[in-house]
C-alpha atoms as a PDB file:
ATOM      1  CA  MET A   1      -6.053   0.090 -31.269  1.00  0.00           C
ATOM      2  CA  ALA A   2      -3.094   1.070 -29.061  1.00  0.00           C
ATOM      3  CA  ALA A   3      -1.973  -1.333 -26.376  1.00  0.00           C
ATOM      4  CA  PRO A   4      -3.096  -0.365 -22.855  1.00  0.00           C
ATOM      5  CA  ASP A   5      -0.688   1.171 -20.353  1.00  0.00           C
ATOM      6  CA  GLU A   6       0.773  -1.306 -17.845  1.00  0.00           C
ATOM      7  CA  LEU A   7       0.503  -0.633 -14.114  1.00  0.00           C
ATOM      8  CA  PHE A   8       2.888  -2.453 -11.768  1.00  0.00           C
ATOM      9  CA  CYS A   9       1.808  -2.586  -8.106  1.00  0.00           C
ATOM     10  CA  TRP A  10       2.573  -4.376  -4.864  1.00  0.00           C
ATOM     11  CA  GLU A  11       0.400  -7.421  -4.188  1.00  0.00           C
ATOM     12  CA  GLY A  12      -2.632  -7.115  -1.950  1.00  0.00           C
ATOM     13  CA  ASP A  13      -3.426  -8.486   1.509  1.00  0.00           C
ATOM     14  CA  TRP A  14      -5.680  -7.743   4.505  1.00  0.00           C
ATOM     15  CA  GLY A  15      -8.637  -7.485   2.111  1.00  0.00           C
ATOM     16  CA  LEU A  16      -6.925  -4.671   0.159  1.00  0.00           C
ATOM     17  CA  PRO A  17      -5.974  -4.692  -3.550  1.00  0.00           C
ATOM     18  CA  SER A  18      -2.441  -3.635  -2.504  1.00  0.00           C
ATOM     19  CA  VAL A  19      -0.576  -3.156   0.787  1.00  0.00           C
ATOM     20  CA  SER A  20       1.069   0.047  -0.470  1.00  0.00           C
ATOM     21  CA  THR A  21      -0.493   3.472   0.045  1.00  0.00           C
ATOM     22  CA  ASP A  22       0.898   4.832  -3.243  1.00  0.00           C
ATOM     23  CA  CYS A  23      -0.359   1.780  -5.144  1.00  0.00           C
ATOM     24  CA  LEU A  24      -3.794   2.092  -3.534  1.00  0.00           C
ATOM     25  CA  VAL A  25      -4.036   5.743  -4.568  1.00  0.00           C
ATOM     26  CA  VAL A  26      -3.276   4.892  -8.204  1.00  0.00           C
ATOM     27  CA  LEU A  27      -5.499   1.784  -8.265  1.00  0.00           C
ATOM     28  CA  ALA A  28      -8.430   3.696  -6.782  1.00  0.00           C
ATOM     29  CA  TYR A  29      -8.050   6.644  -9.170  1.00  0.00           C
ATOM     30  CA  ALA A  30      -7.824   4.304 -12.169  1.00  0.00           C
ATOM     31  CA  GLN A  31     -11.021   2.604 -11.060  1.00  0.00           C
ATOM     32  CA  PHE A  32     -12.831   5.893 -10.465  1.00  0.00           C
ATOM     33  CA  ALA A  33     -11.791   7.227 -13.888  1.00  0.00           C
ATOM     34  CA  GLY A  34     -12.408   3.940 -15.740  1.00  0.00           C
ATOM     35  CA  ALA A  35      -8.855   3.752 -17.087  1.00  0.00           C
ATOM     36  CA  PRO A  36      -8.263   0.490 -19.041  1.00  0.00           C
ATOM     37  CA  LEU A  37      -4.879  -0.455 -17.587  1.00  0.00           C
ATOM     38  CA  LYS A  38      -3.081  -3.779 -17.797  1.00  0.00           C
ATOM     39  CA  LEU A  39      -2.443  -4.563 -14.138  1.00  0.00           C
ATOM     40  CA  ARG A  40       0.559  -6.517 -12.908  1.00  0.00           C
ATOM     41  CA  LYS A  41       0.673  -7.262  -9.184  1.00  0.00           C
ATOM     42  CA  ILE A  42       4.143  -8.316  -8.135  1.00  0.00           C
ATOM     43  CA  SER A  43       6.168  -8.828  -4.961  1.00  0.00           C
ATOM     44  CA  ASN A  44       9.555  -8.032  -6.485  1.00  0.00           C
ATOM     45  CA  PRO A  45      10.086  -4.300  -7.155  1.00  0.00           C
ATOM     46  CA  TRP A  46      13.116  -5.134  -9.292  1.00  0.00           C
ATOM     47  CA  ARG A  47      10.687  -6.505 -11.903  1.00  0.00           C
ATOM     48  CA  SER A  48       9.122  -3.076 -12.206  1.00  0.00           C
ATOM     49  CA  PRO A  49      10.345  -0.947 -15.142  1.00  0.00           C
ATOM     50  CA  SER A  50      11.421   1.748 -12.648  1.00  0.00           C
ATOM     51  CA  GLY A  51      12.757  -0.592  -9.955  1.00  0.00           C
ATOM     52  CA  SER A  52      10.084   0.674  -7.569  1.00  0.00           C
ATOM     53  CA  LEU A  53       6.318   0.378  -7.085  1.00  0.00           C
ATOM     54  CA  PRO A  54       3.934   1.654  -8.270  1.00  0.00           C
ATOM     55  CA  ALA A  55       5.135   2.144 -11.835  1.00  0.00           C
ATOM     56  CA  LEU A  56       3.179   2.894 -14.991  1.00  0.00           C
ATOM     57  CA  ARG A  57       4.697   1.891 -18.329  1.00  0.00           C
ATOM     58  CA  THR A  58       2.822   3.803 -21.017  1.00  0.00           C
ATOM     59  CA  ASN A  59       2.235   2.469 -24.521  1.00  0.00           C
ATOM     60  CA  GLN A  60       4.874   5.030 -25.569  1.00  0.00           C
ATOM     61  CA  LYS A  61       7.353   3.157 -23.300  1.00  0.00           C
ATOM     62  CA  GLU A  62       7.576   6.059 -20.850  1.00  0.00           C
ATOM     63  CA  THR A  63       7.795   5.058 -17.168  1.00  0.00           C
ATOM     64  CA  LEU A  64       6.109   7.003 -14.351  1.00  0.00           C
ATOM     65  CA  SER A  65       6.421   6.221 -10.635  1.00  0.00           C
ATOM     66  CA  ARG A  66       4.904   9.022  -8.555  1.00  0.00           C
ATOM     67  CA  PRO A  67       1.129   8.715  -8.019  1.00  0.00           C
ATOM     68  CA  SER A  68       0.646  12.391  -8.951  1.00  0.00           C
ATOM     69  CA  ASP A  69       2.517  11.902 -12.249  1.00  0.00           C
ATOM     70  CA  ILE A  70       0.513   8.768 -13.054  1.00  0.00           C
ATOM     71  CA  ILE A  71      -2.766  10.580 -12.345  1.00  0.00           C
ATOM     72  CA  ILE A  72      -1.727  13.533 -14.529  1.00  0.00           C
ATOM     73  CA  HIS A  73      -0.903  11.096 -17.341  1.00  0.00           C
ATOM     74  CA  LEU A  74      -4.309   9.395 -17.029  1.00  0.00           C
ATOM     75  CA  ARG A  75      -6.020  12.792 -17.148  1.00  0.00           C
ATOM     76  CA  LYS A  76      -4.187  13.596 -20.376  1.00  0.00           C
ATOM     77  CA  GLN A  77      -5.588  10.324 -21.745  1.00  0.00           C
ATOM     78  CA  LYS A  78      -9.099  11.642 -20.962  1.00  0.00           C
ATOM     79  CA  TYR A  79      -9.523   9.503 -17.826  1.00  0.00           C
ATOM     80  CA  ASN A  80     -10.335  12.325 -15.444  1.00  0.00           C
ATOM     81  CA  ALA A  81     -12.127  11.599 -12.166  1.00  0.00           C
ATOM     82  CA  ASP A  82     -12.076  15.352 -11.374  1.00  0.00           C
ATOM     83  CA  TYR A  83     -13.867  16.450 -14.534  1.00  0.00           C
ATOM     84  CA  ASP A  84     -16.994  17.650 -12.729  1.00  0.00           C
ATOM     85  CA  LEU A  85     -15.242  19.513  -9.902  1.00  0.00           C
ATOM     86  CA  SER A  86     -15.675  23.272  -9.615  1.00  0.00           C
ATOM     87  CA  ALA A  87     -12.639  25.539  -9.256  1.00  0.00           C
ATOM     88  CA  LYS A  88     -13.236  25.784  -5.501  1.00  0.00           C
ATOM     89  CA  GLU A  89     -13.601  22.001  -5.144  1.00  0.00           C
ATOM     90  CA  GLY A  90     -10.380  21.521  -7.101  1.00  0.00           C
ATOM     91  CA  ALA A  91      -8.576  23.922  -4.763  1.00  0.00           C
ATOM     92  CA  ASP A  92     -10.050  22.173  -1.706  1.00  0.00           C
ATOM     93  CA  SER A  93      -8.923  18.835  -3.081  1.00  0.00           C
ATOM     94  CA  LEU A  94      -5.326  20.027  -3.486  1.00  0.00           C
ATOM     95  CA  ALA A  95      -5.377  21.527   0.007  1.00  0.00           C
ATOM     96  CA  PHE A  96      -6.540  18.277   1.634  1.00  0.00           C
ATOM     97  CA  ILE A  97      -4.030  16.188  -0.336  1.00  0.00           C
ATOM     98  CA  SER A  98      -1.264  18.544   0.848  1.00  0.00           C
ATOM     99  CA  LEU A  99      -2.595  18.273   4.419  1.00  0.00           C
ATOM    100  CA  MET A 100      -2.407  14.463   4.289  1.00  0.00           C
ATOM    101  CA  GLU A 101       1.160  14.593   3.015  1.00  0.00           C
ATOM    102  CA  GLU A 102       2.144  16.910   5.862  1.00  0.00           C
ATOM    103  CA  LYS A 103       0.101  15.511   8.775  1.00  0.00           C
ATOM    104  CA  LEU A 104      -0.985  11.935   7.975  1.00  0.00           C
ATOM    105  CA  MET A 105       1.844  10.469   5.915  1.00  0.00           C
ATOM    106  CA  PRO A 106       4.483  10.887   8.690  1.00  0.00           C
ATOM    107  CA  ALA A 107       2.251   8.931  11.097  1.00  0.00           C
ATOM    108  CA  LEU A 108       1.697   6.240   8.456  1.00  0.00           C
ATOM    109  CA  ILE A 109       5.441   5.852   7.912  1.00  0.00           C
ATOM    110  CA  TYR A 110       6.035   5.723  11.656  1.00  0.00           C
ATOM    111  CA  THR A 111       3.254   3.177  12.248  1.00  0.00           C
ATOM    112  CA  PHE A 112       4.350   0.679   9.601  1.00  0.00           C
ATOM    113  CA  TRP A 113       8.106   1.255   9.269  1.00  0.00           C
ATOM    114  CA  ILE A 114       9.486   2.795  12.461  1.00  0.00           C
ATOM    115  CA  GLU A 115       7.392   1.596  15.426  1.00  0.00           C
ATOM    116  CA  PRO A 116       9.446  -1.458  16.487  1.00  0.00           C
ATOM    117  CA  LYS A 117       6.787  -4.094  17.097  1.00  0.00           C
ATOM    118  CA  ASN A 118       4.679  -3.142  14.079  1.00  0.00           C
ATOM    119  CA  TYR A 119       7.722  -3.192  11.828  1.00  0.00           C
ATOM    120  CA  VAL A 120       9.067  -6.528  13.064  1.00  0.00           C
ATOM    121  CA  ASP A 121       5.778  -8.408  13.442  1.00  0.00           C
ATOM    122  CA  VAL A 122       3.882  -7.034  10.443  1.00  0.00           C
ATOM    123  CA  THR A 123       5.759  -4.927   7.888  1.00  0.00           C
ATOM    124  CA  ARG A 124       9.117  -6.702   7.710  1.00  0.00           C
ATOM    125  CA  ARG A 125       7.450 -10.093   8.043  1.00  0.00           C
ATOM    126  CA  TRP A 126       5.012  -9.402   5.199  1.00  0.00           C
ATOM    127  CA  TYR A 127       7.680  -8.273   2.747  1.00  0.00           C
ATOM    128  CA  ALA A 128      10.097 -11.031   3.784  1.00  0.00           C
ATOM    129  CA  GLU A 129       7.413 -13.679   3.242  1.00  0.00           C
ATOM    130  CA  HIS A 130       6.300 -12.315  -0.136  1.00  0.00           C
ATOM    131  CA  MET A 131       9.590 -11.308  -1.753  1.00  0.00           C
ATOM    132  CA  PRO A 132      11.668 -13.914  -3.601  1.00  0.00           C
ATOM    133  CA  PHE A 133      14.934 -15.220  -2.167  1.00  0.00           C
ATOM    134  CA  PRO A 134      17.472 -13.668  -1.699  1.00  0.00           C
ATOM    135  CA  LEU A 135      15.845 -10.210  -1.955  1.00  0.00           C
ATOM    136  CA  ASN A 136      13.754 -10.915   1.150  1.00  0.00           C
ATOM    137  CA  PHE A 137      16.942 -10.829   3.243  1.00  0.00           C
ATOM    138  CA  PHE A 138      17.989  -7.264   2.503  1.00  0.00           C
ATOM    139  CA  LEU A 139      15.251  -5.334   0.648  1.00  0.00           C
ATOM    140  CA  PRO A 140      12.880  -4.877   3.644  1.00  0.00           C
ATOM    141  CA  GLY A 141      15.713  -3.274   5.613  1.00  0.00           C
ATOM    142  CA  ARG A 142      16.638  -1.062   2.680  1.00  0.00           C
ATOM    143  CA  MET A 143      12.994  -0.038   2.279  1.00  0.00           C
ATOM    144  CA  GLN A 144      12.830   0.830   5.977  1.00  0.00           C
ATOM    145  CA  ARG A 145      15.888   3.096   5.685  1.00  0.00           C
ATOM    146  CA  ARG A 146      14.296   4.898   2.733  1.00  0.00           C
ATOM    147  CA  GLN A 147      11.074   5.382   4.680  1.00  0.00           C
ATOM    148  CA  LEU A 148      13.039   6.783   7.621  1.00  0.00           C
ATOM    149  CA  GLU A 149      14.772   9.217   5.246  1.00  0.00           C
ATOM    150  CA  LYS A 150      11.368  10.227   3.869  1.00  0.00           C
ATOM    151  CA  LEU A 151      10.056  10.801   7.401  1.00  0.00           C
ATOM    152  CA  GLN A 152      13.108  12.897   8.281  1.00  0.00           C
ATOM    153  CA  LEU A 153      12.552  14.955   5.112  1.00  0.00           C
ATOM    154  CA  LEU A 154       8.841  15.460   5.846  1.00  0.00           C
ATOM    155  CA  ARG A 155       9.649  16.507   9.406  1.00  0.00           C
ATOM    156  CA  GLY A 156      12.716  18.554   8.497  1.00  0.00           C
ATOM    157  CA  ASP A 157      14.769  16.725  11.132  1.00  0.00           C
ATOM    158  CA  GLU A 158      17.724  14.537  10.118  1.00  0.00           C
ATOM    159  CA  SER A 159      18.371  13.456  13.730  1.00  0.00           C
ATOM    160  CA  LEU A 160      14.810  12.205  14.228  1.00  0.00           C
ATOM    161  CA  GLU A 161      14.587   9.062  16.381  1.00  0.00           C
ATOM    162  CA  ALA A 162      11.740   6.746  17.358  1.00  0.00           C
ATOM    163  CA  GLY A 163      10.334   7.294  20.818  1.00  0.00           C
ATOM    164  CA  GLU A 164       7.249   8.048  22.868  1.00  0.00           C
ATOM    165  CA  GLU A 165       7.506  11.816  22.374  1.00  0.00           C
ATOM    166  CA  LEU A 166       7.768  11.542  18.560  1.00  0.00           C
ATOM    167  CA  GLU A 167       4.927   9.017  18.464  1.00  0.00           C
ATOM    168  CA  LYS A 168       2.606  11.305  20.430  1.00  0.00           C
ATOM    169  CA  GLU A 169       3.371  14.256  18.181  1.00  0.00           C
ATOM    170  CA  LEU A 170       2.887  12.289  14.952  1.00  0.00           C
ATOM    171  CA  TYR A 171      -0.355  10.682  16.125  1.00  0.00           C
ATOM    172  CA  ARG A 172      -1.678  14.030  17.333  1.00  0.00           C
ATOM    173  CA  ASP A 173      -1.099  15.525  13.879  1.00  0.00           C
ATOM    174  CA  ALA A 174      -2.663  12.478  12.209  1.00  0.00           C
ATOM    175  CA  ALA A 175      -5.734  12.653  14.456  1.00  0.00           C
ATOM    176  CA  GLU A 176      -6.136  16.338  13.596  1.00  0.00           C
ATOM    177  CA  CYS A 177      -5.954  15.520   9.885  1.00  0.00           C
ATOM    178  CA  MET A 178      -8.437  12.635  10.125  1.00  0.00           C
ATOM    179  CA  ASN A 179     -10.879  14.789  12.084  1.00  0.00           C
ATOM    180  CA  LEU A 180     -10.741  17.487   9.404  1.00  0.00           C
ATOM    181  CA  LEU A 181     -11.322  14.870   6.695  1.00  0.00           C
ATOM    182  CA  SER A 182     -14.229  13.449   8.696  1.00  0.00           C
ATOM    183  CA  GLN A 183     -15.805  16.903   9.028  1.00  0.00           C
ATOM    184  CA  ARG A 184     -15.391  17.566   5.286  1.00  0.00           C
ATOM    185  CA  LEU A 185     -16.919  14.206   4.327  1.00  0.00           C
ATOM    186  CA  GLY A 186     -19.845  14.545   6.726  1.00  0.00           C
ATOM    187  CA  SER A 187     -22.676  12.163   5.824  1.00  0.00           C
ATOM    188  CA  HIS A 188     -21.798  12.064   2.120  1.00  0.00           C
ATOM    189  CA  LYS A 189     -20.677   8.961   0.261  1.00  0.00           C
ATOM    190  CA  PHE A 190     -17.771  10.772  -1.399  1.00  0.00           C
ATOM    191  CA  PHE A 191     -16.027  14.080  -0.753  1.00  0.00           C
ATOM    192  CA  PHE A 192     -17.529  15.938  -3.740  1.00  0.00           C
ATOM    193  CA  GLY A 193     -20.994  14.884  -4.839  1.00  0.00           C
ATOM    194  CA  ASP A 194     -22.095  11.424  -5.945  1.00  0.00           C
ATOM    195  CA  SER A 195     -18.909  10.411  -7.786  1.00  0.00           C
ATOM    196  CA  PRO A 196     -15.414   9.773  -6.394  1.00  0.00           C
ATOM    197  CA  SER A 197     -12.559  12.106  -7.310  1.00  0.00           C
ATOM    198  CA  SER A 198      -8.778  12.157  -6.882  1.00  0.00           C
ATOM    199  CA  LEU A 199      -9.231  13.292  -3.266  1.00  0.00           C
ATOM    200  CA  ASP A 200     -11.274  10.160  -2.557  1.00  0.00           C
ATOM    201  CA  ALA A 201      -8.443   8.082  -4.057  1.00  0.00           C
ATOM    202  CA  TYR A 202      -5.813   9.762  -1.861  1.00  0.00           C
ATOM    203  CA  VAL A 203      -7.916   9.472   1.300  1.00  0.00           C
ATOM    204  CA  PHE A 204      -8.663   5.806   0.595  1.00  0.00           C
ATOM    205  CA  GLY A 205      -4.998   5.056  -0.124  1.00  0.00           C
ATOM    206  CA  HIS A 206      -3.884   6.606   3.163  1.00  0.00           C
ATOM    207  CA  LEU A 207      -6.639   5.293   5.440  1.00  0.00           C
ATOM    208  CA  ALA A 208      -7.375   1.785   4.143  1.00  0.00           C
ATOM    209  CA  PRO A 209      -4.046   0.242   5.298  1.00  0.00           C
ATOM    210  CA  ILE A 210      -4.575   1.717   8.784  1.00  0.00           C
ATOM    211  CA  LEU A 211      -8.101   0.328   8.915  1.00  0.00           C
ATOM    212  CA  LYS A 212      -7.441  -3.168   7.542  1.00  0.00           C
ATOM    213  CA  SER A 213      -3.986  -4.168   8.824  1.00  0.00           C
ATOM    214  CA  LYS A 214      -3.510  -6.227  11.997  1.00  0.00           C
ATOM    215  CA  LEU A 215      -1.018  -4.154  13.999  1.00  0.00           C
ATOM    216  CA  PRO A 216       0.290  -4.911  17.519  1.00  0.00           C
ATOM    217  CA  ASN A 217       0.427  -1.151  18.192  1.00  0.00           C
ATOM    218  CA  GLY A 218      -2.975  -0.056  16.902  1.00  0.00           C
ATOM    219  CA  LYS A 219      -3.200   3.483  18.290  1.00  0.00           C
ATOM    220  CA  LEU A 220      -3.616   5.083  14.874  1.00  0.00           C
ATOM    221  CA  GLN A 221      -6.166   2.437  13.923  1.00  0.00           C
ATOM    222  CA  GLN A 222      -8.191   3.128  17.075  1.00  0.00           C
ATOM    223  CA  CYS A 223      -8.275   6.809  16.206  1.00  0.00           C
ATOM    224  CA  LEU A 224      -9.549   6.052  12.696  1.00  0.00           C
ATOM    225  CA  LYS A 225     -12.165   3.581  13.945  1.00  0.00           C
ATOM    226  CA  SER A 226     -13.609   6.282  16.190  1.00  0.00           C
ATOM    227  CA  LEU A 227     -14.608   8.181  13.023  1.00  0.00           C
ATOM    228  CA  ASP A 228     -17.468   6.099  11.642  1.00  0.00           C
ATOM    229  CA  ASN A 229     -17.925   8.011   8.406  1.00  0.00           C
ATOM    230  CA  LEU A 230     -14.268   7.528   7.379  1.00  0.00           C
ATOM    231  CA  THR A 231     -14.309   3.803   8.163  1.00  0.00           C
ATOM    232  CA  ASN A 232     -17.569   3.445   6.207  1.00  0.00           C
ATOM    233  CA  PHE A 233     -16.011   5.447   3.373  1.00  0.00           C
ATOM    234  CA  CYS A 234     -13.121   2.960   3.078  1.00  0.00           C
ATOM    235  CA  THR A 235     -15.416  -0.056   3.390  1.00  0.00           C
ATOM    236  CA  ASN A 236     -17.784   1.257   0.695  1.00  0.00           C
ATOM    237  CA  ILE A 237     -14.956   1.853  -1.784  1.00  0.00           C
ATOM    238  CA  LEU A 238     -13.701  -1.693  -1.236  1.00  0.00           C
ATOM    239  CA  LEU A 239     -17.203  -3.092  -1.792  1.00  0.00           C
ATOM    240  CA  LEU A 240     -17.931  -0.962  -4.872  1.00  0.00           C
ATOM    241  CA  TYR A 241     -14.586  -0.961  -6.660  1.00  0.00           C
ATOM    242  CA  PHE A 242     -12.587  -3.910  -5.285  1.00  0.00           C
ATOM    243  CA  PRO A 243     -15.213  -6.570  -4.493  1.00  0.00           C
ATOM    244  CA  ARG A 244     -12.979  -9.556  -5.144  1.00  0.00           C
ATOM    245  CA  ASP A 245     -10.320  -8.432  -2.669  1.00  0.00           C
ATOM    246  CA  ASN A 246     -13.027  -7.869  -0.061  1.00  0.00           C
ATOM    247  CA  ARG A 247     -14.532 -11.332  -0.677  1.00  0.00           C
ATOM    248  CA  GLU A 248     -11.124 -12.991  -0.409  1.00  0.00           C
ATOM    249  CA  SER A 249     -10.578 -11.237   2.919  1.00  0.00           C
ATOM    250  CA  SER A 250     -13.887 -12.529   4.266  1.00  0.00           C
ATOM    251  CA  SER A 251     -13.192 -16.088   3.152  1.00  0.00           C
ATOM    252  CA  GLN A 252      -9.768 -16.072   4.837  1.00  0.00           C
ATOM    253  CA  LYS A 253     -10.923 -14.796   8.230  1.00  0.00           C
ATOM    254  CA  THR A 254     -11.001 -18.262   9.810  1.00  0.00           C
ATOM    255  CA  SER A 255      -7.289 -18.708   9.116  1.00  0.00           C
ATOM    256  CA  SER A 256      -6.139 -15.084   9.480  1.00  0.00           C
ATOM    257  CA  GLN A 257      -4.330 -13.462  12.391  1.00  0.00           C
ATOM    258  CA  PRO A 258      -6.587 -12.464  15.318  1.00  0.00           C
ATOM    259  CA  GLU A 259      -7.795  -8.854  15.530  1.00  0.00           C
ATOM    260  CA  GLY A 260      -5.230  -6.680  17.270  1.00  0.00           C
ATOM    261  CA  GLY A 261      -2.196  -8.376  15.766  1.00  0.00           C
ATOM    262  CA  ASP A 262      -1.222 -10.739  18.600  1.00  0.00           C
ATOM    263  CA  PHE A 263       1.162 -13.128  16.856  1.00  0.00           C
ATOM    264  CA  ASP A 264       2.004 -15.212  19.925  1.00  0.00           C
ATOM    265  CA  HIS A 265      -1.081 -17.403  20.067  1.00  0.00           C
ATOM    266  CA  VAL A 266      -0.584 -21.171  20.228  1.00  0.00           C
ATOM    267  CA  PRO A 267      -2.141 -22.010  16.785  1.00  0.00           C
ATOM    268  CA  ASN A 268       0.700 -20.080  15.153  1.00  0.00           C
ATOM    269  CA  LYS A 269       3.482 -21.862  17.023  1.00  0.00           C
ATOM    270  CA  ARG A 270       4.107 -24.440  14.313  1.00  0.00           C
ATOM    271  CA  ARG A 271       4.169 -21.789  11.597  1.00  0.00           C
ATOM    272  CA  LYS A 272       6.723 -19.772  13.587  1.00  0.00           C
ATOM    273  CA  GLN A 273       8.867 -22.896  13.978  1.00  0.00           C
ATOM    274  CA  ILE A 274       8.742 -23.512  10.215  1.00  0.00           C
ATOM    275  CA  LEU A 275       9.597 -19.850   9.516  1.00  0.00           C
ATOM    276  CA  SER A 276      12.538 -20.044  11.925  1.00  0.00           C
ATOM    277  CA  ALA A 277      13.812 -23.142  10.138  1.00  0.00           C
ATOM    278  CA  LEU A 278      13.464 -21.438   6.746  1.00  0.00           C
ATOM    279  CA  VAL A 279      15.293 -18.351   7.992  1.00  0.00           C
ATOM    280  CA  ALA A 280      18.118 -20.530   9.324  1.00  0.00           C
ATOM    281  CA  LEU A 281      18.322 -22.374   6.001  1.00  0.00           C
ATOM    282  CA  GLY A 282      18.320 -19.075   4.127  1.00  0.00           C
ATOM    283  CA  ALA A 283      21.108 -17.733   6.320  1.00  0.00           C
ATOM    284  CA  MET A 284      23.241 -20.807   5.585  1.00  0.00           C
ATOM    285  CA  LEU A 285      22.583 -20.462   1.855  1.00  0.00           C
ATOM    286  CA  SER A 286      23.468 -16.773   1.996  1.00  0.00           C
ATOM    287  CA  TYR A 287      26.744 -17.600   3.739  1.00  0.00           C
ATOM    288  CA  ALA A 288      27.500 -20.182   1.087  1.00  0.00           C
ATOM    289  CA  LEU A 289      26.762 -17.678  -1.671  1.00  0.00           C
ATOM    290  CA  LEU A 290      28.862 -14.934  -0.095  1.00  0.00           C
ATOM    291  CA  THR A 291      31.863 -17.212   0.458  1.00  0.00           C
ATOM    292  CA  GLY A 292      31.685 -18.596  -3.080  1.00  0.00           C
ATOM    293  CA  MET A 293      30.848 -22.150  -1.990  1.00  0.00           C
ATOM    294  CA  VAL A 294      27.700 -22.000  -4.141  1.00  0.00           C
ATOM    295  CA  SER A 295      26.929 -19.953  -7.258  1.00  0.00           C
ATOM    296  CA  ILE A 296      23.553 -19.126  -8.792  1.00  0.00           C
ATOM    297  CA  GLN A 297      23.359 -20.236 -12.423  1.00  0.00           C
ATOM    298  CA  HIS A 298      19.776 -19.279 -13.239  1.00  0.00           C
ATOM    299  CA  VAL A 299      16.971 -17.176 -11.792  1.00  0.00           C
ATOM    300  CA  GLN A 300      13.555 -18.603 -12.505  1.00  0.00           C
ATOM    301  CA  GLN A 301      11.031 -16.249 -14.056  1.00  0.00           C
ATOM    302  CA  GLU A 302       8.039 -15.312 -11.963  1.00  0.00           C
ATOM    303  CA  ALA A 303       4.832 -17.053 -13.033  1.00  0.00           C
ATOM    304  CA  LEU A 304       1.839 -15.133 -14.296  1.00  0.00           C
ATOM    305  CA  GLU A 305      -1.398 -15.530 -12.429  1.00  0.00           C
ATOM    306  CA  GLU A 306      -4.952 -14.332 -12.929  1.00  0.00           C
ATOM    307  CA  PRO A 307      -5.668 -10.754 -11.833  1.00  0.00           C
ATOM    308  CA  PRO A 308      -7.942  -9.449  -9.112  1.00  0.00           C
ATOM    309  CA  ASP A 309     -11.452  -8.411 -10.034  1.00  0.00           C
ATOM    310  CA  LEU A 310     -10.862  -4.811 -11.112  1.00  0.00           C
ATOM    311  CA  GLN A 311     -13.719  -3.508 -13.222  1.00  0.00           C
ATOM    312  CA  PRO A 312     -12.367  -0.916 -15.717  1.00  0.00           C
ATOM    313  CA  ILE A 313      -8.867  -2.347 -15.497  1.00  0.00           C
ATOM    314  CA  GLY A 314     -10.381  -5.835 -15.666  1.00  0.00           C
ATOM    315  CA  SER A 315     -10.124  -7.123 -19.215  1.00  0.00           C
ATOM    316  CA  HIS A 316      -6.407  -6.357 -19.418  1.00  0.00           C
ATOM    317  CA  ASP A 317      -5.247  -7.540 -15.978  1.00  0.00           C
ATOM    318  CA  ASP A 318      -2.336  -9.832 -15.194  1.00  0.00           C
ATOM    319  CA  GLU A 319      -1.117 -10.678 -11.717  1.00  0.00           C
ATOM    320  CA  GLU A 320       2.398 -11.864 -11.242  1.00  0.00           C
ATOM    321  CA  GLY A 321       3.519 -14.134  -8.459  1.00  0.00           C
ATOM    322  CA  ASP A 322       7.057 -15.165  -7.685  1.00  0.00           C
ATOM    323  CA  GLY A 323       7.805 -18.631  -8.899  1.00  0.00           C
END
């Protein structure tokens, strides 16, 4: 029997199996199609075979990074969540996926990577806390620049800058897209019939981070929460296909950040002091490294941990943490 393909993804948080939209799309599709993948959740993209996440390393040692390419590969392996779709449903699916790329993805990038308070308090902090030293000092900033370039490409504007006018325009487009998705879903459990398809995976991957993250600027989240069927759609997929991540989220609520993303509450004061001390120590170490006062002789391998509870992926899962 051939070895299973390996899927490398960002770690999860906020009750999600991954914090990355692209990773969520692939994880959801693999679950829907029952693909037996060996899952590796990591917080260091340099440990991925492509240097980015997600990445699928096939048993033929081919590496795929784009969600669409990974899904096409899984279909060729007979793991096809769209098998029962009619020609019209297939065309509708492609149209809605294209709509999300054009209207929803720019708002997602802006919300997590460009909006100043969200980026500083949530996005940069999360990656800095989860990445290994010294990558956590420069990779979040590099990732932000790449996301800005992607936003400029999607908008066709190289001089694009953050501001109230841009935010209004992006959120207006996103609201239009979410309303169209809500109308298409209606009272159904999934977008096409009783079984989830690739469109369900893409919608889940784009909406779940908006729904579950704790953002200081939650305008996009408020818009999504006003559409009950879409919020229920995301919640149901988490319960049905990622139950362990959902349980872990519930068990951590007593120690999690308060709803709304206010990070200035008194109980967090000591943690912020410790983080400040660690950042100062890291800065001193970085200076020592750059000036040649200290050299790194060995980089410790990341330890392997048990995987999340993914059903079809399950028996082959591995989760990597940084040691």
